[in-house]
Each structure stands twice: as structure tokens, then as C-alpha cells.
PDB file of N, CA and C in Angstrom:
ATOM      1  N   MET A   1       2.875  23.160 -10.458  1.00  0.00           N
ATOM      2  CA  MET A   1       4.298  22.274 -10.837  1.00  0.00           C
ATOM      3  C   MET A   1       4.123  21.308 -10.438  1.00  0.00           C
ATOM      4  N   LEU A   2       4.478  19.868 -11.252  1.00  0.00           N
ATOM      5  CA  LEU A   2       4.436  18.610 -11.325  1.00  0.00           C
ATOM      6  C   LEU A   2       6.049  17.994 -10.427  1.00  0.00           C
ATOM      7  N   ILE A   3       5.379  17.720  -9.335  1.00  0.00           N
ATOM      8  CA  ILE A   3       6.402  16.914  -7.730  1.00  0.00           C
ATOM      9  C   ILE A   3       6.652  15.531  -8.762  1.00  0.00           C
ATOM     10  N   ARG A   4       7.924  15.402  -9.243  1.00  0.00           N
ATOM     11  CA  ARG A   4       8.233  13.750  -9.773  1.00  0.00           C
ATOM     12  C   ARG A   4       8.889  12.985  -8.239  1.00  0.00           C
ATOM     13  N   SER A   5       8.817  11.684  -8.210  1.00  0.00           N
ATOM     14  CA  SER A   5       8.891  10.844  -7.307  1.00  0.00           C
ATOM     15  C   SER A   5      10.764  10.774  -7.138  1.00  0.00           C
ATOM     16  N   GLY A   6      11.283  10.532  -6.147  1.00  0.00           N
ATOM     17  CA  GLY A   6      12.780  10.545  -5.560  1.00  0.00           C
ATOM     18  C   GLY A   6      13.664  10.346  -7.149  1.00  0.00           C
ATOM     19  N   LYS A   7      12.918   8.374  -7.414  1.00  0.00           N
ATOM     20  CA  LYS A   7      13.498   7.239  -7.985  1.00  0.00           C
ATOM     21  C   LYS A   7      13.368   7.904  -9.584  1.00  0.00           C
ATOM     22  N   ILE A   8      12.830   8.785  -9.850  1.00  0.00           N
ATOM     23  CA  ILE A   8      12.100   9.282 -11.782  1.00  0.00           C
ATOM     24  C   ILE A   8      13.552  10.526 -11.368  1.00  0.00           C
ATOM     25  N   GLN A   9      13.468  11.212 -10.393  1.00  0.00           N
ATOM     26  CA  GLN A   9      14.338  12.842 -10.255  1.00  0.00           C
ATOM     27  C   GLN A   9      15.816  11.980 -10.949  1.00  0.00           C
ATOM     28  N   PHE A  10      16.298  11.119  -9.393  1.00  0.00           N
ATOM     29  CA  PHE A  10      17.533   9.926  -9.262  1.00  0.00           C
ATOM     30  C   PHE A  10      18.090   9.751 -10.789  1.00  0.00           C
ATOM     31  N   LEU A  11      16.405   9.313 -11.767  1.00  0.00           N
ATOM     32  CA  LEU A  11      17.520   8.444 -13.146  1.00  0.00           C
ATOM     33  C   LEU A  11      17.844  10.149 -14.457  1.00  0.00           C
ATOM     34  N   PHE A  12      16.668  10.516 -13.552  1.00  0.00           N
ATOM     35  CA  PHE A  12      17.203  11.847 -14.380  1.00  0.00           C
ATOM     36  C   PHE A  12      18.125  12.569 -14.306  1.00  0.00           C
ATOM     37  N   TRP A  13      18.583  12.807 -13.436  1.00  0.00           N
ATOM     38  CA  TRP A  13      20.272  13.117 -12.239  1.00  0.00           C
ATOM     39  C   TRP A  13      21.583  12.721 -12.644  1.00  0.00           C
ATOM     40  N   ALA A  14      20.966  10.928 -13.080  1.00  0.00           N
ATOM     41  CA  ALA A  14      22.259  10.268 -13.441  1.00  0.00           C
ATOM     42  C   ALA A  14      22.472  10.350 -14.401  1.00  0.00           C
ATOM     43  N   PHE A  15      21.304  10.297 -15.677  1.00  0.00           N
ATOM     44  CA  PHE A  15      21.256  10.633 -17.243  1.00  0.00           C
ATOM     45  C   PHE A  15      22.002  11.584 -17.461  1.00  0.00           C
ATOM     46  N   PHE A  16      21.654  12.937 -17.116  1.00  0.00           N
ATOM     47  CA  PHE A  16      22.263  14.245 -17.008  1.00  0.00           C
ATOM     48  C   PHE A  16      24.148  14.029 -16.697  1.00  0.00           C
ATOM     49  N   PHE A  17      24.457  13.619 -15.609  1.00  0.00           N
ATOM     50  CA  PHE A  17      25.830  13.700 -14.656  1.00  0.00           C
ATOM     51  C   PHE A  17      26.065  12.707 -16.133  1.00  0.00           C
ATOM     52  N   SER A  18      25.786  11.171 -16.524  1.00  0.00           N
ATOM     53  CA  SER A  18      26.273  10.292 -17.091  1.00  0.00           C
ATOM     54  C   SER A  18      26.414  10.636 -18.654  1.00  0.00           C
ATOM     55  N   THR A  19      25.744  11.673 -19.532  1.00  0.00           N
ATOM     56  CA  THR A  19      25.711  12.424 -20.985  1.00  0.00           C
ATOM     57  C   THR A  19      27.160  13.565 -20.398  1.00  0.00           C
ATOM     58  N   MET A  20      26.661  14.428 -19.515  1.00  0.00           N
ATOM     59  CA  MET A  20      27.990  15.101 -19.297  1.00  0.00           C
ATOM     60  C   MET A  20      29.401  14.480 -19.309  1.00  0.00           C
ATOM     61  N   ILE A  21      29.693  13.083 -18.423  1.00  0.00           N
ATOM     62  CA  ILE A  21      31.005  12.815 -18.188  1.00  0.00           C
ATOM     63  C   ILE A  21      30.866  12.665 -19.798  1.00  0.00           C
ATOM     64  N   TYR A  22      30.390  11.622 -20.428  1.00  0.00           N
ATOM     65  CA  TYR A  22      30.573  10.864 -21.612  1.00  0.00           C
ATOM     66  C   TYR A  22      31.393  12.154 -22.378  1.00  0.00           C
ATOM     67  N   LEU A  23      30.650  13.279 -22.284  1.00  0.00           N
ATOM     68  CA  LEU A  23      30.797  14.530 -23.630  1.00  0.00           C
ATOM     69  C   LEU A  23      32.431  15.764 -23.039  1.00  0.00           C
ATOM     70  N   TRP A  24      32.045  15.032 -21.747  1.00  0.00           N
ATOM     71  CA  TRP A  24      33.526  15.686 -21.300  1.00  0.00           C
ATOM     72  C   TRP A  24      35.013  14.222 -21.942  1.00  0.00           C
ATOM     73  N   ILE A  25      34.636  13.222 -21.513  1.00  0.00           N
ATOM     74  CA  ILE A  25      35.901  12.037 -22.380  1.00  0.00           C
ATOM     75  C   ILE A  25      35.509  12.446 -23.480  1.00  0.00           C
ATOM     76  N   VAL A  26      34.997  12.634 -24.819  1.00  0.00           N
ATOM     77  CA  VAL A  26      34.995  13.168 -26.260  1.00  0.00           C
ATOM     78  C   VAL A  26      35.689  13.907 -26.180  1.00  0.00           C
ATOM     79  N   ALA A  27      35.283  15.098 -25.403  1.00  0.00           N
ATOM     80  CA  ALA A  27      36.322  16.336 -25.947  1.00  0.00           C
ATOM     81  C   ALA A  27      37.745  15.961 -24.954  1.00  0.00           C
ATOM     82  N   VAL A  28      38.049  15.610 -24.316  1.00  0.00           N
ATOM     83  CA  VAL A  28      39.422  15.351 -23.465  1.00  0.00           C
ATOM     84  C   VAL A  28      40.125  14.575 -24.497  1.00  0.00           C
ATOM     85  N   GLY A  29      39.347  13.611 -25.240  1.00  0.00           N
ATOM     86  CA  GLY A  29      39.856  12.734 -26.025  1.00  0.00           C
ATOM     87  C   GLY A  29      40.320  13.413 -27.317  1.00  0.00           C
ATOM     88  N   PHE A  30      39.339  14.081 -28.170  1.00  0.00           N
ATOM     89  CA  PHE A  30      39.758  15.007 -29.537  1.00  0.00           C
ATOM     90  C   PHE A  30      41.077  16.222 -29.363  1.00  0.00           C
ATOM     91  N   GLN A  31      40.641  16.402 -28.035  1.00  0.00           N
ATOM     92  CA  GLN A  31      41.421  17.216 -28.268  1.00  0.00           C
ATOM     93  C   GLN A  31      43.158  16.672 -27.982  1.00  0.00           C
ATOM     94  N   THR A  32      43.249  16.304 -27.115  1.00  0.00           N
ATOM     95  CA  THR A  32      44.368  15.015 -26.822  1.00  0.00           C
ATOM     96  C   THR A  32      45.216  14.150 -27.839  1.00  0.00           C
ATOM     97  N   PHE A  33      44.182  13.640 -28.557  1.00  0.00           N
ATOM     98  CA  PHE A  33      44.703  12.657 -29.026  1.00  0.00           C
ATOM     99  C   PHE A  33      43.792  12.953 -30.884  1.00  0.00           C
ATOM    100  N   ILE A  34      43.325  13.598 -30.931  1.00  0.00           N
ATOM    101  CA  ILE A  34      42.999  13.512 -32.518  1.00  0.00           C
ATOM    102  C   ILE A  34      43.289  14.698 -33.121  1.00  0.00           C
ATOM    103  N   LEU A  35      43.219  16.013 -32.091  1.00  0.00           N
ATOM    104  CA  LEU A  35      43.710  16.991 -32.707  1.00  0.00           C
ATOM    105  C   LEU A  35      44.602  17.996 -32.032  1.00  0.00           C
ATOM    106  N   PRO A  36      45.635  17.605 -31.656  1.00  0.00           N
ATOM    107  CA  PRO A  36      47.304  18.566 -30.695  1.00  0.00           C
ATOM    108  C   PRO A  36      47.549  18.764 -31.918  1.00  0.00           C
ATOM    109  N   ASP A  37      48.742  19.579 -31.816  1.00  0.00           N
ATOM    110  CA  ASP A  37      48.540  20.529 -32.029  1.00  0.00           C
ATOM    111  C   ASP A  37      50.209  20.804 -32.296  1.00  0.00           C
ATOM    112  N   GLU A  38      50.906  19.381 -31.949  1.00  0.00           N
ATOM    113  CA  GLU A  38      52.142  18.969 -32.302  1.00  0.00           C
ATOM    114  C   GLU A  38      52.170  16.948 -31.946  1.00  0.00           C
ATOM    115  N   LYS A  39      52.637  17.038 -32.471  1.00  0.00           N
ATOM    116  CA  LYS A  39      52.525  14.748 -32.078  1.00  0.00           C
ATOM    117  C   LYS A  39      53.346  14.748 -30.342  1.00  0.00           C
ATOM    118  N   PRO A  40      52.776  14.215 -29.282  1.00  0.00           N
ATOM    119  CA  PRO A  40      53.152  14.137 -28.498  1.00  0.00           C
ATOM    120  C   PRO A  40      54.220  13.514 -28.489  1.00  0.00           C
ATOM    121  N   LEU A  41      55.476  13.298 -28.406  1.00  0.00           N
ATOM    122  CA  LEU A  41      56.934  11.999 -27.488  1.00  0.00           C
ATOM    123  C   LEU A  41      56.267  11.046 -26.750  1.00  0.00           C
ATOM    124  N   GLU A  42      55.782  11.582 -25.697  1.00  0.00           N
ATOM    125  CA  GLU A  42      54.920  10.234 -24.744  1.00  0.00           C
ATOM    126  C   GLU A  42      53.862  10.631 -24.544  1.00  0.00           C
ATOM    127  N   MET A  43      53.282   9.158 -24.280  1.00  0.00           N
ATOM    128  CA  MET A  43      51.741   9.348 -23.604  1.00  0.00           C
ATOM    129  C   MET A  43      51.224  10.337 -22.541  1.00  0.00           C
ATOM    130  N   PRO A  44      50.488  11.328 -22.635  1.00  0.00           N
ATOM    131  CA  PRO A  44      50.222  12.117 -21.163  1.00  0.00           C
ATOM    132  C   PRO A  44      49.682  11.358 -19.966  1.00  0.00           C
ATOM    133  N   GLN A  45      50.424  11.131 -18.892  1.00  0.00           N
ATOM    134  CA  GLN A  45      49.857  10.452 -17.955  1.00  0.00           C
ATOM    135  C   GLN A  45      48.825  10.766 -17.347  1.00  0.00           C
ATOM    136  N   ASN A  46      49.153  12.015 -17.031  1.00  0.00           N
ATOM    137  CA  ASN A  46      47.979  12.998 -16.442  1.00  0.00           C
ATOM    138  C   ASN A  46      46.310  12.322 -17.200  1.00  0.00           C
ATOM    139  N   VAL A  47      46.868  12.910 -18.608  1.00  0.00           N
ATOM    140  CA  VAL A  47      44.802  12.788 -19.011  1.00  0.00           C
ATOM    141  C   VAL A  47      44.831  11.435 -18.855  1.00  0.00           C
ATOM    142  N   ILE A  48      45.674  10.609 -19.405  1.00  0.00           N
ATOM    143  CA  ILE A  48      45.376   9.133 -19.362  1.00  0.00           C
ATOM    144  C   ILE A  48      44.424   8.597 -17.905  1.00  0.00           C
ATOM    145  N   VAL A  49      45.286   8.914 -16.684  1.00  0.00           N
ATOM    146  CA  VAL A  49      44.428   9.043 -15.393  1.00  0.00           C
ATOM    147  C   VAL A  49      42.952   9.122 -15.723  1.00  0.00           C
ATOM    148  N   LEU A  50      43.322  10.613 -16.077  1.00  0.00           N
ATOM    149  CA  LEU A  50      41.303  11.525 -15.558  1.00  0.00           C
ATOM    150  C   LEU A  50      40.738  11.083 -16.993  1.00  0.00           C
ATOM    151  N   LEU A  51      41.271  10.446 -17.981  1.00  0.00           N
ATOM    152  CA  LEU A  51      40.470   9.633 -18.819  1.00  0.00           C
ATOM    153  C   LEU A  51      40.200   8.447 -18.070  1.00  0.00           C
ATOM    154  N   PHE A  52      40.904   7.638 -17.165  1.00  0.00           N
ATOM    155  CA  PHE A  52      40.399   6.402 -16.500  1.00  0.00           C
ATOM    156  C   PHE A  52      39.168   6.822 -15.283  1.00  0.00           C
ATOM    157  N   LEU A  53      39.779   7.739 -14.815  1.00  0.00           N
ATOM    158  CA  LEU A  53      38.880   8.501 -13.933  1.00  0.00           C
ATOM    159  C   LEU A  53      37.677   8.832 -14.058  1.00  0.00           C
ATOM    160  N   LEU A  54      37.269   9.445 -15.429  1.00  0.00           N
ATOM    161  CA  LEU A  54      35.994   9.179 -15.915  1.00  0.00           C
ATOM    162  C   LEU A  54      34.846   8.074 -16.601  1.00  0.00           C
ATOM    163  N   TYR A  55      36.330   7.547 -16.864  1.00  0.00           N
ATOM    164  CA  TYR A  55      35.164   6.183 -17.252  1.00  0.00           C
ATOM    165  C   TYR A  55      34.598   5.174 -15.929  1.00  0.00           C
ATOM    166  N   GLY A  56      35.287   5.274 -15.281  1.00  0.00           N
ATOM    167  CA  GLY A  56      34.972   5.178 -13.795  1.00  0.00           C
ATOM    168  C   GLY A  56      33.628   5.290 -13.697  1.00  0.00           C
ATOM    169  N   PHE A  57      34.005   6.793 -13.164  1.00  0.00           N
ATOM    170  CA  PHE A  57      32.713   7.387 -12.967  1.00  0.00           C
ATOM    171  C   PHE A  57      31.027   7.072 -14.299  1.00  0.00           C
ATOM    172  N   LEU A  58      31.739   7.250 -15.206  1.00  0.00           N
ATOM    173  CA  LEU A  58      30.632   7.261 -16.144  1.00  0.00           C
ATOM    174  C   LEU A  58      29.922   5.612 -16.494  1.00  0.00           C
ATOM    175  N   THR A  59      30.384   4.679 -15.958  1.00  0.00           N
ATOM    176  CA  THR A  59      29.863   3.464 -16.108  1.00  0.00           C
ATOM    177  C   THR A  59      29.662   2.860 -14.369  1.00  0.00           C
ATOM    178  N   ILE A  60      30.005   3.352 -13.092  1.00  0.00           N
ATOM    179  CA  ILE A  60      28.881   3.561 -12.079  1.00  0.00           C
ATOM    180  C   ILE A  60      27.532   5.050 -12.539  1.00  0.00           C
ATOM    181  N   THR A  61      28.144   5.744 -13.269  1.00  0.00           N
ATOM    182  CA  THR A  61      26.177   6.300 -12.918  1.00  0.00           C
ATOM    183  C   THR A  61      25.548   6.010 -14.119  1.00  0.00           C
ATOM    184  N   THR A  62      26.229   5.101 -15.162  1.00  0.00           N
ATOM    185  CA  THR A  62      25.509   4.787 -16.359  1.00  0.00           C
ATOM    186  C   THR A  62      24.140   3.365 -16.022  1.00  0.00           C
ATOM    187  N   LEU A  63      25.673   2.533 -15.174  1.00  0.00           N
ATOM    188  CA  LEU A  63      25.005   1.363 -14.641  1.00  0.00           C
ATOM    189  C   LEU A  63      23.574   1.420 -13.892  1.00  0.00           C
ATOM    190  N   ALA A  64      24.278   2.383 -12.903  1.00  0.00           N
ATOM    191  CA  ALA A  64      22.930   2.805 -11.219  1.00  0.00           C
ATOM    192  C   ALA A  64      22.104   3.136 -12.243  1.00  0.00           C
ATOM    193  N   GLY A  65      21.931   3.769 -12.922  1.00  0.00           N
ATOM    194  CA  GLY A  65      20.316   4.589 -13.858  1.00  0.00           C
ATOM    195  C   GLY A  65      19.543   3.361 -14.520  1.00  0.00           C
ATOM    196  N   LEU A  66      20.169   2.831 -14.896  1.00  0.00           N
ATOM    197  CA  LEU A  66      19.925   1.468 -15.879  1.00  0.00           C
ATOM    198  C   LEU A  66      19.302   0.254 -14.826  1.00  0.00           C
ATOM    199  N   ILE A  67      20.308   0.477 -14.118  1.00  0.00           N
ATOM    200  CA  ILE A  67      19.645  -0.651 -12.888  1.00  0.00           C
ATOM    201  C   ILE A  67      18.319  -0.313 -12.221  1.00  0.00           C
ATOM    202  N   ILE A  68      18.338   0.785 -12.346  1.00  0.00           N
ATOM    203  CA  ILE A  68      17.097   1.536 -10.784  1.00  0.00           C
ATOM    204  C   ILE A  68      15.844   1.475 -11.771  1.00  0.00           C
ATOM    205  N   SER A  69      16.243   1.708 -13.384  1.00  0.00           N
ATOM    206  CA  SER A  69      15.241   1.958 -14.030  1.00  0.00           C
ATOM    207  C   SER A  69      14.674   0.453 -14.649  1.00  0.00           C
ATOM    208  N   VAL A  70      15.150  -0.544 -14.654  1.00  0.00           N
ATOM    209  CA  VAL A  70      14.934  -1.512 -14.454  1.00  0.00           C
ATOM    210  C   VAL A  70      14.237  -2.035 -13.553  1.00  0.00           C
ATOM    211  N   MET A  71      14.173  -1.461 -12.340  1.00  0.00           N
ATOM    212  CA  MET A  71      14.069  -1.967 -11.105  1.00  0.00           C
ATOM    213  C   MET A  71      12.755  -2.057 -10.713  1.00  0.00           C
ATOM    214  N   ILE A  72      12.503  -0.343 -11.344  1.00  0.00           N
ATOM    215  CA  ILE A  72      10.830   0.282 -10.544  1.00  0.00           C
ATOM    216  C   ILE A  72      10.353  -0.218 -12.524  1.00  0.00           C
ATOM    217  N   ASN A  73      10.507  -0.431 -13.720  1.00  0.00           N
ATOM    218  CA  ASN A  73       9.991  -1.113 -14.756  1.00  0.00           C
ATOM    219  C   ASN A  73       9.983   0.287 -15.784  1.00  0.00           C
ATOM    220  N   ASN A  74      10.443   1.182 -15.398  1.00  0.00           N
ATOM    221  CA  ASN A  74      10.640   2.299 -16.746  1.00  0.00           C
ATOM    222  C   ASN A  74      11.134   2.109 -17.667  1.00  0.00           C
ATOM    223  N   LYS A  75      10.033   2.134 -18.858  1.00  0.00           N
ATOM    224  CA  LYS A  75      10.637   2.116 -19.738  1.00  0.00           C
ATOM    225  C   LYS A  75      11.448   3.220 -20.747  1.00  0.00           C
ATOM    226  N   HIS A  76      11.210   4.646 -20.414  1.00  0.00           N
ATOM    227  CA  HIS A  76      11.585   5.191 -20.938  1.00  0.00           C
ATOM    228  C   HIS A  76      13.276   5.547 -21.131  1.00  0.00           C
ATOM    229  N   TYR A  77      13.130   5.570 -19.328  1.00  0.00           N
ATOM    230  CA  TYR A  77      14.490   5.699 -18.852  1.00  0.00           C
ATOM    231  C   TYR A  77      15.598   4.251 -19.204  1.00  0.00           C
ATOM    232  N   THR A  78      14.775   3.300 -18.840  1.00  0.00           N
ATOM    233  CA  THR A  78      15.771   2.057 -19.945  1.00  0.00           C
ATOM    234  C   THR A  78      16.416   2.390 -21.191  1.00  0.00           C
ATOM    235  N   ARG A  79      15.359   2.856 -21.633  1.00  0.00           N
ATOM    236  CA  ARG A  79      15.785   2.698 -23.787  1.00  0.00           C
ATOM    237  C   ARG A  79      17.132   3.745 -23.243  1.00  0.00           C
ATOM    238  N   LEU A  80      17.044   5.134 -22.842  1.00  0.00           N
ATOM    239  CA  LEU A  80      17.883   5.725 -22.531  1.00  0.00           C
ATOM    240  C   LEU A  80      19.116   5.148 -22.435  1.00  0.00           C
ATOM    241  N   PHE A  81      19.109   4.970 -20.900  1.00  0.00           N
ATOM    242  CA  PHE A  81      20.621   4.023 -20.385  1.00  0.00           C
ATOM    243  C   PHE A  81      21.442   3.312 -20.828  1.00  0.00           C
ATOM    244  N   SER A  82      20.309   2.443 -21.726  1.00  0.00           N
ATOM    245  CA  SER A  82      20.575   1.173 -22.904  1.00  0.00           C
ATOM    246  C   SER A  82      21.558   1.335 -24.165  1.00  0.00           C
ATOM    247  N   GLY A  83      20.781   2.590 -24.473  1.00  0.00           N
ATOM    248  CA  GLY A  83      21.110   3.772 -25.951  1.00  0.00           C
ATOM    249  C   GLY A  83      22.602   4.310 -25.650  1.00  0.00           C
ATOM    250  N   LEU A  84      23.407   4.327 -24.297  1.00  0.00           N
ATOM    251  CA  LEU A  84      24.202   5.621 -23.838  1.00  0.00           C
ATOM    252  C   LEU A  84      25.200   4.756 -23.312  1.00  0.00           C
ATOM    253  N   ILE A  85      24.672   2.989 -22.967  1.00  0.00           N
ATOM    254  CA  ILE A  85      25.758   2.386 -22.662  1.00  0.00           C
ATOM    255  C   ILE A  85      26.213   1.369 -24.341  1.00  0.00           C
ATOM    256  N   ILE A  86      25.329   1.382 -25.236  1.00  0.00           N
ATOM    257  CA  ILE A  86      25.829   1.142 -26.259  1.00  0.00           C
ATOM    258  C   ILE A  86      26.282   1.987 -27.162  1.00  0.00           C
ATOM    259  N   LEU A  87      26.318   3.318 -27.086  1.00  0.00           N
ATOM    260  CA  LEU A  87      27.209   4.551 -27.000  1.00  0.00           C
ATOM    261  C   LEU A  87      29.024   4.565 -26.913  1.00  0.00           C
ATOM    262  N   ILE A  88      28.694   4.062 -25.276  1.00  0.00           N
ATOM    263  CA  ILE A  88      29.787   4.057 -24.952  1.00  0.00           C
ATOM    264  C   ILE A  88      30.829   3.086 -25.415  1.00  0.00           C
ATOM    265  N   PHE A  89      29.640   1.706 -25.589  1.00  0.00           N
ATOM    266  CA  PHE A  89      30.663   0.648 -26.034  1.00  0.00           C
ATOM    267  C   PHE A  89      31.487   1.098 -27.589  1.00  0.00           C
ATOM    268  N   ALA A  90      30.558   1.808 -28.130  1.00  0.00           N
ATOM    269  CA  ALA A  90      30.717   1.685 -29.855  1.00  0.00           C
ATOM    270  C   ALA A  90      32.001   2.521 -29.639  1.00  0.00           C
ATOM    271  N   THR A  91      31.531   4.249 -28.585  1.00  0.00           N
ATOM    272  CA  THR A  91      32.890   4.998 -28.485  1.00  0.00           C
ATOM    273  C   THR A  91      34.580   4.083 -28.293  1.00  0.00           C
ATOM    274  N   ILE A  92      34.282   3.425 -27.412  1.00  0.00           N
ATOM    275  CA  ILE A  92      35.167   2.700 -26.879  1.00  0.00           C
ATOM    276  C   ILE A  92      36.171   1.786 -28.043  1.00  0.00           C
ATOM    277  N   MET A  93      35.129   0.774 -28.485  1.00  0.00           N
ATOM    278  CA  MET A  93      35.840  -0.021 -29.854  1.00  0.00           C
ATOM    279  C   MET A  93      36.302   0.882 -30.525  1.00  0.00           C
ATOM    280  N   ALA A  94      35.684   1.975 -31.192  1.00  0.00           N
ATOM    281  CA  ALA A  94      36.497   3.213 -32.202  1.00  0.00           C
ATOM    282  C   ALA A  94      37.409   3.466 -31.371  1.00  0.00           C
ATOM    283  N   SER A  95      37.983   3.522 -30.704  1.00  0.00           N
ATOM    284  CA  SER A  95      39.099   4.164 -30.104  1.00  0.00           C
ATOM    285  C   SER A  95      39.977   3.478 -30.437  1.00  0.00           C
ATOM    286  N   LYS A  96      39.631   1.976 -30.013  1.00  0.00           N
ATOM    287  CA  LYS A  96      40.390   0.770 -30.019  1.00  0.00           C
ATOM    288  C   LYS A  96      40.837   0.474 -31.127  1.00  0.00           C
ATOM    289  N   GLY A  97      39.864   0.732 -31.908  1.00  0.00           N
ATOM    290  CA  GLY A  97      40.801   0.755 -33.408  1.00  0.00           C
ATOM    291  C   GLY A  97      40.953   1.438 -34.091  1.00  0.00           C
ATOM    292  N   ILE A  98      41.402   2.405 -33.854  1.00  0.00           N
ATOM    293  CA  ILE A  98      42.099   3.456 -34.420  1.00  0.00           C
ATOM    294  C   ILE A  98      42.969   3.479 -33.617  1.00  0.00           C
ATOM    295  N   PHE A  99      43.614   3.793 -32.369  1.00  0.00           N
ATOM    296  CA  PHE A  99      44.705   3.847 -31.484  1.00  0.00           C
ATOM    297  C   PHE A  99      45.293   2.102 -31.594  1.00  0.00           C
ATOM    298  N   GLY A 100      44.689   1.178 -31.981  1.00  0.00           N
ATOM    299  CA  GLY A 100      45.672  -0.293 -31.531  1.00  0.00           C
ATOM    300  C   GLY A 100      45.132  -0.966 -30.397  1.00  0.00           C
TER     301      GLY A 100
END
């Protein structure tokens, strides 16, 4: 069995949870705003609060992973976290473009 250092394990789990939170945000956004059964009359406040909390957790885990990967000079995880940050930013810009 391969034993990894604690920093590499942290990077792996930070990337795993960042990806899962991102997929959760996308799923909630699609179910609520893109594919609803009927057009909601008001914006659902509980979904908005959930999305803000998830984006907060996503930001913390992604930036923590990027900072740690840069500090230990791990190019693999630096590229993964940088790509995830670009994907997050592109998703925010796309949703801003769709919903105004």
C-alpha cells in the first residue's frame, strides 16, 4: 500500500469535496432555475441561501487547496485547482448572463 503525506491527502480530499460541492451547486441550479415544472412567482429564498452557503464552502475549499498546492510546489494539484477556479468563474459569468 502506498502511503502518501498528509499534504497530498489534504489536496486530494479538498479537490474531491470541491468537485462534489460544485456538482451540487449545478444540480440545484438546474432543478430550480432551468428545469422547473412551472415558473415560480417569487425567487425561492431557501434555495438562494443554500446556493450562497455552498458557494462559500466551495470558495474556501478551492482556495485552500490552491494555496497549499502552490506552497508545496505540486504542479498536478495546482493545475487541477486552477482549472476548477476557472470553471467556477465561467459558471458564475454564464449564470449572470442568463439571469441578468
